[in-house]
Amino acid sequence: MTASDQRPLLFLDVDGPLIPFRSRPTQRVSVTDQPGNPLLDRLDPADGRRLLALGCRLMWATTWMSDANDVVAPRLGLPPLPVVDFPDEGIPERGLHWKTMSLIRRAAGTPFIWLDDEMTEADQRWVRIHHPGPALLHQVDPLIGLTDTDFATLRRWLADRIGP
């Protein structure tokens, strides 16, 4: 295992954390005539730089699946990222988010951060019981997306649990 393989995983959702449901206060008005999702203008290219600066192994954990590499990553200045495969497992345990069990399997005991806007206390409890390594399930406000405060929380958790 290489040193880069030992870095914490960061599972990244798109809708909510990266594409907020409301326009960002500093969002530019799109003047392009490019077809596609008009909400992509809500992406903040600075988020890509700030995510890379965390030093984690970034992975898409989103219903965008591999489309995140084609559409979102270039707008954020991110390289193509691995995509978490979410097999159809049926109904998850009561109250558990449909992504939780797949993310724990993918993490396989390694430290991880999960950035999403939909996890609940049920997910927090399940991860504490079923994941032996450090884990931060960080809920992002889907109306505003990732903020400076969110990034400060991530950096603090990484420094406290993993080291500088």
N, C-alpha and C. Protein backbone atom coordinates (compact mmCIF):
# COMPACT_ATOMS: atom_id res chain seq x y z
N MET A 1 0.85 -1.18 0.00
CA MET A 1 0.00 0.00 0.00
C MET A 1 0.89 1.24 0.00
N THR A 2 0.61 2.19 -0.88
CA THR A 2 1.41 3.40 -0.96
C THR A 2 0.91 4.43 0.04
N ALA A 3 1.72 5.45 0.28
CA ALA A 3 1.32 6.51 1.21
C ALA A 3 0.03 7.18 0.75
N SER A 4 -0.13 7.35 -0.57
CA SER A 4 -1.35 7.99 -1.06
C SER A 4 -2.58 7.11 -0.83
N ASP A 5 -2.38 5.78 -0.79
CA ASP A 5 -3.50 4.88 -0.51
C ASP A 5 -3.95 4.98 0.94
N GLN A 6 -3.08 5.48 1.81
CA GLN A 6 -3.41 5.58 3.22
C GLN A 6 -4.12 6.89 3.56
N ARG A 7 -4.22 7.78 2.60
CA ARG A 7 -4.95 9.03 2.85
C ARG A 7 -6.42 8.71 3.08
N PRO A 8 -7.11 9.52 3.88
CA PRO A 8 -8.54 9.30 4.08
C PRO A 8 -9.31 9.46 2.77
N LEU A 9 -10.39 8.72 2.67
CA LEU A 9 -11.32 8.88 1.56
C LEU A 9 -12.23 10.07 1.83
N LEU A 10 -12.65 10.74 0.77
CA LEU A 10 -13.67 11.77 0.90
C LEU A 10 -14.73 11.45 -0.14
N PHE A 11 -15.89 10.99 0.34
CA PHE A 11 -17.02 10.66 -0.52
C PHE A 11 -17.81 11.94 -0.76
N LEU A 12 -18.01 12.27 -2.03
CA LEU A 12 -18.53 13.57 -2.40
C LEU A 12 -19.85 13.47 -3.18
N ASP A 13 -20.88 14.06 -2.61
CA ASP A 13 -22.16 14.18 -3.30
C ASP A 13 -22.13 15.46 -4.13
N VAL A 14 -22.95 15.53 -5.16
CA VAL A 14 -22.97 16.71 -6.03
C VAL A 14 -24.13 17.64 -5.69
N ASP A 15 -25.37 17.13 -5.80
CA ASP A 15 -26.54 17.98 -5.60
C ASP A 15 -26.71 18.32 -4.12
N GLY A 16 -26.64 19.59 -3.83
CA GLY A 16 -26.69 20.06 -2.44
C GLY A 16 -25.33 20.59 -2.03
N PRO A 17 -24.33 19.72 -1.84
CA PRO A 17 -23.02 20.22 -1.44
C PRO A 17 -22.30 21.07 -2.50
N LEU A 18 -22.26 20.59 -3.74
CA LEU A 18 -21.54 21.32 -4.78
C LEU A 18 -22.47 22.18 -5.64
N ILE A 19 -23.68 21.70 -5.88
CA ILE A 19 -24.68 22.48 -6.60
C ILE A 19 -25.80 22.77 -5.60
N PRO A 20 -25.72 23.93 -4.94
CA PRO A 20 -26.76 24.24 -3.96
C PRO A 20 -28.11 24.47 -4.62
N PHE A 21 -29.14 24.29 -3.83
CA PHE A 21 -30.50 24.43 -4.35
C PHE A 21 -30.91 25.88 -4.54
N ARG A 22 -30.18 26.80 -3.91
CA ARG A 22 -30.39 28.23 -4.13
C ARG A 22 -29.13 28.80 -4.79
N SER A 23 -29.29 29.89 -5.48
CA SER A 23 -28.13 30.56 -6.07
C SER A 23 -27.20 31.02 -4.96
N ARG A 24 -25.91 30.91 -5.21
CA ARG A 24 -24.93 31.42 -4.25
C ARG A 24 -24.92 32.95 -4.34
N PRO A 25 -24.65 33.62 -3.21
CA PRO A 25 -24.65 35.08 -3.23
C PRO A 25 -23.69 35.67 -4.25
N THR A 26 -22.59 34.99 -4.51
CA THR A 26 -21.59 35.51 -5.44
C THR A 26 -21.72 34.89 -6.83
N GLN A 27 -22.80 34.14 -7.05
CA GLN A 27 -22.96 33.43 -8.32
C GLN A 27 -23.11 34.43 -9.47
N ARG A 28 -22.38 34.14 -10.52
CA ARG A 28 -22.51 34.98 -11.71
C ARG A 28 -23.77 34.53 -12.47
N VAL A 29 -24.32 35.43 -13.20
CA VAL A 29 -25.46 35.09 -14.04
C VAL A 29 -24.91 34.50 -15.32
N SER A 30 -25.46 33.34 -15.70
CA SER A 30 -24.97 32.67 -16.90
C SER A 30 -25.40 33.44 -18.14
N VAL A 31 -24.44 33.69 -18.99
CA VAL A 31 -24.75 34.36 -20.25
C VAL A 31 -24.43 33.47 -21.43
N THR A 32 -24.14 32.18 -21.14
CA THR A 32 -23.82 31.26 -22.22
C THR A 32 -25.10 30.69 -22.82
N ASP A 33 -24.98 30.28 -24.04
CA ASP A 33 -26.10 29.63 -24.71
C ASP A 33 -25.89 28.13 -24.76
N GLN A 34 -25.01 27.61 -23.89
CA GLN A 34 -24.74 26.19 -23.90
C GLN A 34 -25.94 25.43 -23.36
N PRO A 35 -26.34 24.37 -24.06
CA PRO A 35 -27.44 23.57 -23.55
C PRO A 35 -26.97 22.76 -22.35
N GLY A 36 -27.89 22.29 -21.56
CA GLY A 36 -27.53 21.46 -20.41
C GLY A 36 -28.19 21.96 -19.16
N ASN A 37 -27.68 21.51 -18.06
CA ASN A 37 -28.23 21.81 -16.75
C ASN A 37 -27.89 23.25 -16.35
N PRO A 38 -28.88 24.15 -16.26
CA PRO A 38 -28.58 25.54 -15.89
C PRO A 38 -28.07 25.68 -14.46
N LEU A 39 -28.29 24.65 -13.64
CA LEU A 39 -27.83 24.72 -12.25
C LEU A 39 -26.31 24.55 -12.14
N LEU A 40 -25.66 24.12 -13.21
CA LEU A 40 -24.21 23.99 -13.18
C LEU A 40 -23.51 25.32 -12.93
N ASP A 41 -24.18 26.42 -13.22
CA ASP A 41 -23.60 27.73 -12.93
C ASP A 41 -23.48 27.97 -11.42
N ARG A 42 -24.10 27.13 -10.63
CA ARG A 42 -24.00 27.25 -9.18
C ARG A 42 -22.74 26.59 -8.63
N LEU A 43 -22.03 25.84 -9.45
CA LEU A 43 -20.76 25.27 -9.02
C LEU A 43 -19.77 26.40 -8.76
N ASP A 44 -18.99 26.25 -7.72
CA ASP A 44 -17.95 27.23 -7.40
C ASP A 44 -16.60 26.59 -7.70
N PRO A 45 -15.88 27.05 -8.72
CA PRO A 45 -14.58 26.45 -9.06
C PRO A 45 -13.61 26.42 -7.88
N ALA A 46 -13.75 27.33 -6.93
CA ALA A 46 -12.89 27.32 -5.74
C ALA A 46 -13.09 26.06 -4.91
N ASP A 47 -14.28 25.46 -4.98
CA ASP A 47 -14.52 24.22 -4.23
C ASP A 47 -13.57 23.12 -4.68
N GLY A 48 -13.27 23.04 -5.96
CA GLY A 48 -12.35 22.02 -6.45
C GLY A 48 -10.97 22.18 -5.84
N ARG A 49 -10.45 23.40 -5.84
CA ARG A 49 -9.14 23.66 -5.25
C ARG A 49 -9.13 23.34 -3.76
N ARG A 50 -10.20 23.73 -3.07
CA ARG A 50 -10.26 23.51 -1.62
C ARG A 50 -10.40 22.02 -1.30
N LEU A 51 -11.12 21.28 -2.12
CA LEU A 51 -11.23 19.83 -1.91
C LEU A 51 -9.88 19.16 -2.12
N LEU A 52 -9.19 19.52 -3.18
CA LEU A 52 -7.88 18.93 -3.45
C LEU A 52 -6.88 19.25 -2.33
N ALA A 53 -6.98 20.46 -1.78
CA ALA A 53 -6.06 20.88 -0.73
C ALA A 53 -6.23 20.08 0.56
N LEU A 54 -7.36 19.40 0.74
CA LEU A 54 -7.57 18.59 1.94
C LEU A 54 -6.65 17.37 1.96
N GLY A 55 -6.17 16.95 0.81
CA GLY A 55 -5.24 15.83 0.76
C GLY A 55 -5.89 14.47 0.87
N CYS A 56 -7.18 14.41 0.68
CA CYS A 56 -7.92 13.13 0.74
C CYS A 56 -7.97 12.48 -0.64
N ARG A 57 -8.35 11.21 -0.65
CA ARG A 57 -8.64 10.52 -1.91
C ARG A 57 -10.11 10.80 -2.23
N LEU A 58 -10.36 11.67 -3.18
CA LEU A 58 -11.72 12.07 -3.51
C LEU A 58 -12.41 10.99 -4.34
N MET A 59 -13.67 10.76 -4.03
CA MET A 59 -14.50 9.80 -4.78
C MET A 59 -15.91 10.38 -4.92
N TRP A 60 -16.48 10.22 -6.09
CA TRP A 60 -17.88 10.61 -6.28
C TRP A 60 -18.78 9.62 -5.56
N ALA A 61 -19.72 10.14 -4.79
CA ALA A 61 -20.76 9.33 -4.14
C ALA A 61 -22.08 10.03 -4.44
N THR A 62 -22.52 9.90 -5.68
CA THR A 62 -23.62 10.71 -6.18
C THR A 62 -24.42 9.95 -7.24
N THR A 63 -25.66 10.34 -7.39
CA THR A 63 -26.47 9.75 -8.45
C THR A 63 -26.00 10.21 -9.83
N TRP A 64 -25.11 11.18 -9.89
CA TRP A 64 -24.52 11.59 -11.15
C TRP A 64 -23.64 10.48 -11.71
N MET A 65 -23.17 9.60 -10.83
CA MET A 65 -22.27 8.50 -11.20
C MET A 65 -21.11 9.04 -12.06
N SER A 66 -20.77 8.37 -13.16
CA SER A 66 -19.61 8.78 -13.96
C SER A 66 -19.85 10.10 -14.69
N ASP A 67 -21.10 10.52 -14.83
CA ASP A 67 -21.36 11.83 -15.44
C ASP A 67 -20.71 12.95 -14.64
N ALA A 68 -20.48 12.73 -13.35
CA ALA A 68 -19.80 13.75 -12.54
C ALA A 68 -18.40 14.03 -13.09
N ASN A 69 -17.74 13.00 -13.61
CA ASN A 69 -16.41 13.21 -14.19
C ASN A 69 -16.47 13.98 -15.51
N ASP A 70 -17.53 13.78 -16.27
CA ASP A 70 -17.66 14.44 -17.57
C ASP A 70 -18.16 15.88 -17.45
N VAL A 71 -19.03 16.13 -16.48
CA VAL A 71 -19.72 17.41 -16.41
C VAL A 71 -19.25 18.29 -15.25
N VAL A 72 -19.12 17.71 -14.06
CA VAL A 72 -18.83 18.50 -12.86
C VAL A 72 -17.32 18.69 -12.66
N ALA A 73 -16.56 17.61 -12.74
CA ALA A 73 -15.12 17.69 -12.45
C ALA A 73 -14.40 18.78 -13.27
N PRO A 74 -14.62 18.86 -14.58
CA PRO A 74 -13.90 19.89 -15.35
C PRO A 74 -14.24 21.32 -14.89
N ARG A 75 -15.47 21.54 -14.48
CA ARG A 75 -15.87 22.87 -14.03
C ARG A 75 -15.27 23.23 -12.68
N LEU A 76 -14.84 22.20 -11.93
CA LEU A 76 -14.23 22.44 -10.62
C LEU A 76 -12.71 22.33 -10.68
N GLY A 77 -12.18 21.98 -11.84
CA GLY A 77 -10.74 21.80 -11.95
C GLY A 77 -10.26 20.52 -11.29
N LEU A 78 -11.14 19.53 -11.21
CA LEU A 78 -10.79 18.24 -10.62
C LEU A 78 -10.43 17.24 -11.71
N PRO A 79 -9.51 16.34 -11.40
CA PRO A 79 -9.25 15.26 -12.35
C PRO A 79 -10.42 14.27 -12.31
N PRO A 80 -10.49 13.34 -13.24
CA PRO A 80 -11.50 12.28 -13.12
C PRO A 80 -11.31 11.55 -11.79
N LEU A 81 -12.40 11.31 -11.10
CA LEU A 81 -12.37 10.66 -9.79
C LEU A 81 -13.03 9.29 -9.87
N PRO A 82 -12.61 8.38 -8.99
CA PRO A 82 -13.34 7.11 -8.90
C PRO A 82 -14.80 7.38 -8.50
N VAL A 83 -15.66 6.48 -8.90
CA VAL A 83 -17.10 6.61 -8.62
C VAL A 83 -17.53 5.43 -7.76
N VAL A 84 -18.20 5.71 -6.66
CA VAL A 84 -18.72 4.64 -5.82
C VAL A 84 -19.87 3.97 -6.56
N ASP A 85 -19.80 2.65 -6.65
CA ASP A 85 -20.86 1.87 -7.27
C ASP A 85 -21.92 1.60 -6.21
N PHE A 86 -23.16 1.95 -6.50
CA PHE A 86 -24.25 1.72 -5.58
C PHE A 86 -25.13 0.61 -6.13
N PRO A 87 -24.85 -0.64 -5.74
CA PRO A 87 -25.69 -1.73 -6.24
C PRO A 87 -27.10 -1.62 -5.67
N ASP A 88 -28.03 -2.15 -6.40
CA ASP A 88 -29.42 -2.15 -5.94
C ASP A 88 -29.55 -3.20 -4.84
N GLU A 89 -29.57 -2.73 -3.60
CA GLU A 89 -29.60 -3.63 -2.46
C GLU A 89 -30.98 -3.74 -1.83
N GLY A 90 -31.96 -3.13 -2.45
CA GLY A 90 -33.27 -3.14 -1.85
C GLY A 90 -33.39 -2.05 -0.79
N ILE A 91 -34.29 -2.22 0.09
CA ILE A 91 -34.56 -1.22 1.12
C ILE A 91 -33.52 -1.32 2.22
N PRO A 92 -32.86 -0.18 2.55
CA PRO A 92 -31.85 -0.23 3.62
C PRO A 92 -32.53 -0.37 4.99
N GLU A 93 -31.71 -0.61 6.00
CA GLU A 93 -32.23 -0.69 7.35
C GLU A 93 -33.04 0.56 7.66
N ARG A 94 -33.96 0.43 8.57
CA ARG A 94 -34.88 1.52 8.92
C ARG A 94 -34.12 2.82 9.19
N GLY A 95 -34.48 3.86 8.44
CA GLY A 95 -33.94 5.18 8.65
C GLY A 95 -32.57 5.41 8.03
N LEU A 96 -31.96 4.39 7.47
CA LEU A 96 -30.62 4.51 6.92
C LEU A 96 -30.67 5.06 5.50
N HIS A 97 -29.75 5.94 5.19
CA HIS A 97 -29.66 6.48 3.83
C HIS A 97 -29.27 5.34 2.88
N TRP A 98 -29.73 5.38 1.66
CA TRP A 98 -29.47 4.30 0.72
C TRP A 98 -27.99 4.20 0.34
N LYS A 99 -27.18 5.24 0.59
CA LYS A 99 -25.75 5.19 0.26
C LYS A 99 -24.90 4.59 1.38
N THR A 100 -25.38 4.64 2.60
CA THR A 100 -24.55 4.38 3.77
C THR A 100 -23.82 3.04 3.73
N MET A 101 -24.51 1.97 3.52
CA MET A 101 -23.89 0.64 3.56
C MET A 101 -22.83 0.49 2.47
N SER A 102 -23.09 1.01 1.29
CA SER A 102 -22.10 0.93 0.20
C SER A 102 -20.85 1.74 0.53
N LEU A 103 -21.02 2.89 1.15
CA LEU A 103 -19.86 3.71 1.49
C LEU A 103 -19.00 3.04 2.56
N ILE A 104 -19.64 2.40 3.52
CA ILE A 104 -18.89 1.70 4.58
C ILE A 104 -18.12 0.53 3.97
N ARG A 105 -18.75 -0.20 3.07
CA ARG A 105 -18.05 -1.30 2.40
C ARG A 105 -16.86 -0.77 1.61
N ARG A 106 -17.06 0.34 0.90
CA ARG A 106 -15.99 0.90 0.07
C ARG A 106 -14.84 1.41 0.95
N ALA A 107 -15.16 2.00 2.09
CA ALA A 107 -14.12 2.52 2.99
C ALA A 107 -13.31 1.38 3.61
N ALA A 108 -13.93 0.25 3.84
CA ALA A 108 -13.24 -0.95 4.34
C ALA A 108 -12.35 -0.66 5.55
N GLY A 109 -12.86 0.11 6.48
CA GLY A 109 -12.12 0.37 7.71
C GLY A 109 -11.19 1.56 7.67
N THR A 110 -10.96 2.14 6.48
CA THR A 110 -10.07 3.29 6.40
C THR A 110 -10.81 4.56 6.82
N PRO A 111 -10.08 5.57 7.29
CA PRO A 111 -10.73 6.84 7.65
C PRO A 111 -11.42 7.45 6.44
N PHE A 112 -12.57 8.06 6.69
CA PHE A 112 -13.27 8.72 5.59
C PHE A 112 -14.12 9.88 6.07
N ILE A 113 -14.39 10.75 5.10
CA ILE A 113 -15.35 11.85 5.25
C ILE A 113 -16.43 11.61 4.21
N TRP A 114 -17.66 11.84 4.61
CA TRP A 114 -18.78 11.77 3.66
C TRP A 114 -19.46 13.13 3.66
N LEU A 115 -19.40 13.83 2.52
CA LEU A 115 -20.08 15.12 2.36
C LEU A 115 -21.37 14.88 1.60
N ASP A 116 -22.48 15.18 2.25
CA ASP A 116 -23.79 14.97 1.66
C ASP A 116 -24.75 15.92 2.34
N ASP A 117 -25.95 16.00 1.81
CA ASP A 117 -26.97 16.84 2.43
C ASP A 117 -28.14 16.03 2.98
N GLU A 118 -28.06 14.70 2.93
CA GLU A 118 -29.21 13.89 3.28
C GLU A 118 -29.01 12.91 4.43
N MET A 119 -27.82 12.78 4.99
CA MET A 119 -27.64 11.79 6.04
C MET A 119 -28.34 12.24 7.32
N THR A 120 -28.61 11.27 8.18
CA THR A 120 -29.33 11.54 9.42
C THR A 120 -28.56 10.94 10.60
N GLU A 121 -29.11 11.11 11.78
CA GLU A 121 -28.51 10.52 12.98
C GLU A 121 -28.49 8.99 12.87
N ALA A 122 -29.45 8.41 12.16
CA ALA A 122 -29.43 6.95 11.97
C ALA A 122 -28.16 6.52 11.23
N ASP A 123 -27.75 7.29 10.24
CA ASP A 123 -26.51 6.99 9.51
C ASP A 123 -25.31 7.16 10.43
N GLN A 124 -25.31 8.21 11.23
CA GLN A 124 -24.21 8.45 12.17
C GLN A 124 -24.05 7.25 13.11
N ARG A 125 -25.16 6.80 13.69
CA ARG A 125 -25.12 5.65 14.62
C ARG A 125 -24.63 4.39 13.92
N TRP A 126 -25.15 4.12 12.75
CA TRP A 126 -24.80 2.90 12.02
C TRP A 126 -23.31 2.88 11.70
N VAL A 127 -22.77 4.02 11.28
CA VAL A 127 -21.34 4.10 10.96
C VAL A 127 -20.51 3.89 12.22
N ARG A 128 -20.91 4.51 13.34
CA ARG A 128 -20.15 4.31 14.59
C ARG A 128 -20.09 2.84 14.98
N ILE A 129 -21.15 2.10 14.73
CA ILE A 129 -21.22 0.68 15.10
C ILE A 129 -20.48 -0.20 14.09
N HIS A 130 -20.58 0.08 12.81
CA HIS A 130 -20.10 -0.82 11.76
C HIS A 130 -18.79 -0.43 11.09
N HIS A 131 -18.25 0.73 11.41
CA HIS A 131 -17.00 1.15 10.77
C HIS A 131 -15.92 1.32 11.84
N PRO A 132 -14.85 0.52 11.77
CA PRO A 132 -13.84 0.56 12.83
C PRO A 132 -12.91 1.77 12.78
N GLY A 133 -12.84 2.45 11.67
CA GLY A 133 -11.93 3.60 11.56
C GLY A 133 -12.64 4.91 11.81
N PRO A 134 -11.86 6.00 11.85
CA PRO A 134 -12.46 7.33 12.01
C PRO A 134 -13.35 7.66 10.81
N ALA A 135 -14.45 8.33 11.09
CA ALA A 135 -15.37 8.73 10.02
C ALA A 135 -16.05 10.04 10.41
N LEU A 136 -16.17 10.91 9.43
CA LEU A 136 -16.91 12.15 9.61
C LEU A 136 -18.01 12.19 8.57
N LEU A 137 -19.25 12.13 9.04
CA LEU A 137 -20.40 12.30 8.16
C LEU A 137 -20.80 13.76 8.31
N HIS A 138 -20.44 14.55 7.32
CA HIS A 138 -20.66 16.00 7.41
C HIS A 138 -21.82 16.40 6.52
N GLN A 139 -22.86 16.90 7.16
CA GLN A 139 -24.05 17.31 6.42
C GLN A 139 -23.90 18.77 5.99
N VAL A 140 -24.02 18.96 4.69
CA VAL A 140 -23.91 20.29 4.09
C VAL A 140 -25.32 20.84 3.89
N ASP A 141 -25.50 22.11 4.18
CA ASP A 141 -26.79 22.76 3.95
C ASP A 141 -27.03 22.80 2.44
N PRO A 142 -28.05 22.08 1.95
CA PRO A 142 -28.25 22.01 0.49
C PRO A 142 -28.72 23.32 -0.13
N LEU A 143 -29.18 24.25 0.67
CA LEU A 143 -29.61 25.52 0.12
C LEU A 143 -28.44 26.41 -0.25
N ILE A 144 -27.30 26.25 0.47
CA ILE A 144 -26.17 27.14 0.22
C ILE A 144 -24.92 26.42 -0.26
N GLY A 145 -24.86 25.10 -0.13
CA GLY A 145 -23.68 24.35 -0.57
C GLY A 145 -22.51 24.51 0.38
N LEU A 146 -21.36 24.02 -0.04
CA LEU A 146 -20.16 24.07 0.79
C LEU A 146 -19.78 25.52 1.10
N THR A 147 -19.39 25.74 2.36
CA THR A 147 -19.00 27.08 2.81
C THR A 147 -17.61 27.03 3.43
N ASP A 148 -17.08 28.19 3.74
CA ASP A 148 -15.80 28.27 4.45
C ASP A 148 -15.87 27.52 5.77
N THR A 149 -17.01 27.61 6.45
CA THR A 149 -17.19 26.91 7.72
C THR A 149 -17.12 25.40 7.54
N ASP A 150 -17.72 24.88 6.47
CA ASP A 150 -17.64 23.45 6.19
C ASP A 150 -16.18 23.03 5.99
N PHE A 151 -15.45 23.79 5.20
CA PHE A 151 -14.05 23.43 4.94
C PHE A 151 -13.21 23.52 6.22
N ALA A 152 -13.50 24.49 7.07
CA ALA A 152 -12.78 24.59 8.35
C ALA A 152 -13.05 23.35 9.20
N THR A 153 -14.29 22.88 9.21
CA THR A 153 -14.66 21.68 9.97
C THR A 153 -13.89 20.47 9.42
N LEU A 154 -13.82 20.34 8.12
CA LEU A 154 -13.11 19.21 7.50
C LEU A 154 -11.63 19.25 7.83
N ARG A 155 -11.02 20.42 7.70
CA ARG A 155 -9.58 20.54 8.02
C ARG A 155 -9.31 20.22 9.49
N ARG A 156 -10.17 20.70 10.37
CA ARG A 156 -10.00 20.44 11.81
C ARG A 156 -10.13 18.94 12.10
N TRP A 157 -11.13 18.28 11.51
CA TRP A 157 -11.32 16.85 11.73
C TRP A 157 -10.10 16.08 11.22
N LEU A 158 -9.63 16.42 10.04
CA LEU A 158 -8.46 15.73 9.48
C LEU A 158 -7.24 15.93 10.38
N ALA A 159 -7.02 17.13 10.86
CA ALA A 159 -5.86 17.40 11.73
C ALA A 159 -5.99 16.66 13.05
N ASP A 160 -7.19 16.62 13.63
CA ASP A 160 -7.39 15.97 14.93
C ASP A 160 -7.33 14.45 14.84
N ARG A 161 -7.83 13.86 13.77
CA ARG A 161 -7.94 12.41 13.67
C ARG A 161 -6.78 11.77 12.91
N ILE A 162 -6.30 12.46 11.92
CA ILE A 162 -5.33 11.87 11.01
C ILE A 162 -3.94 12.48 11.21
N GLY A 163 -3.88 13.73 11.58
CA GLY A 163 -2.62 14.43 11.73
C GLY A 163 -2.43 15.44 10.61
N PRO A 164 -1.41 16.28 10.72
CA PRO A 164 -1.22 17.33 9.72
C PRO A 164 -0.85 16.76 8.36
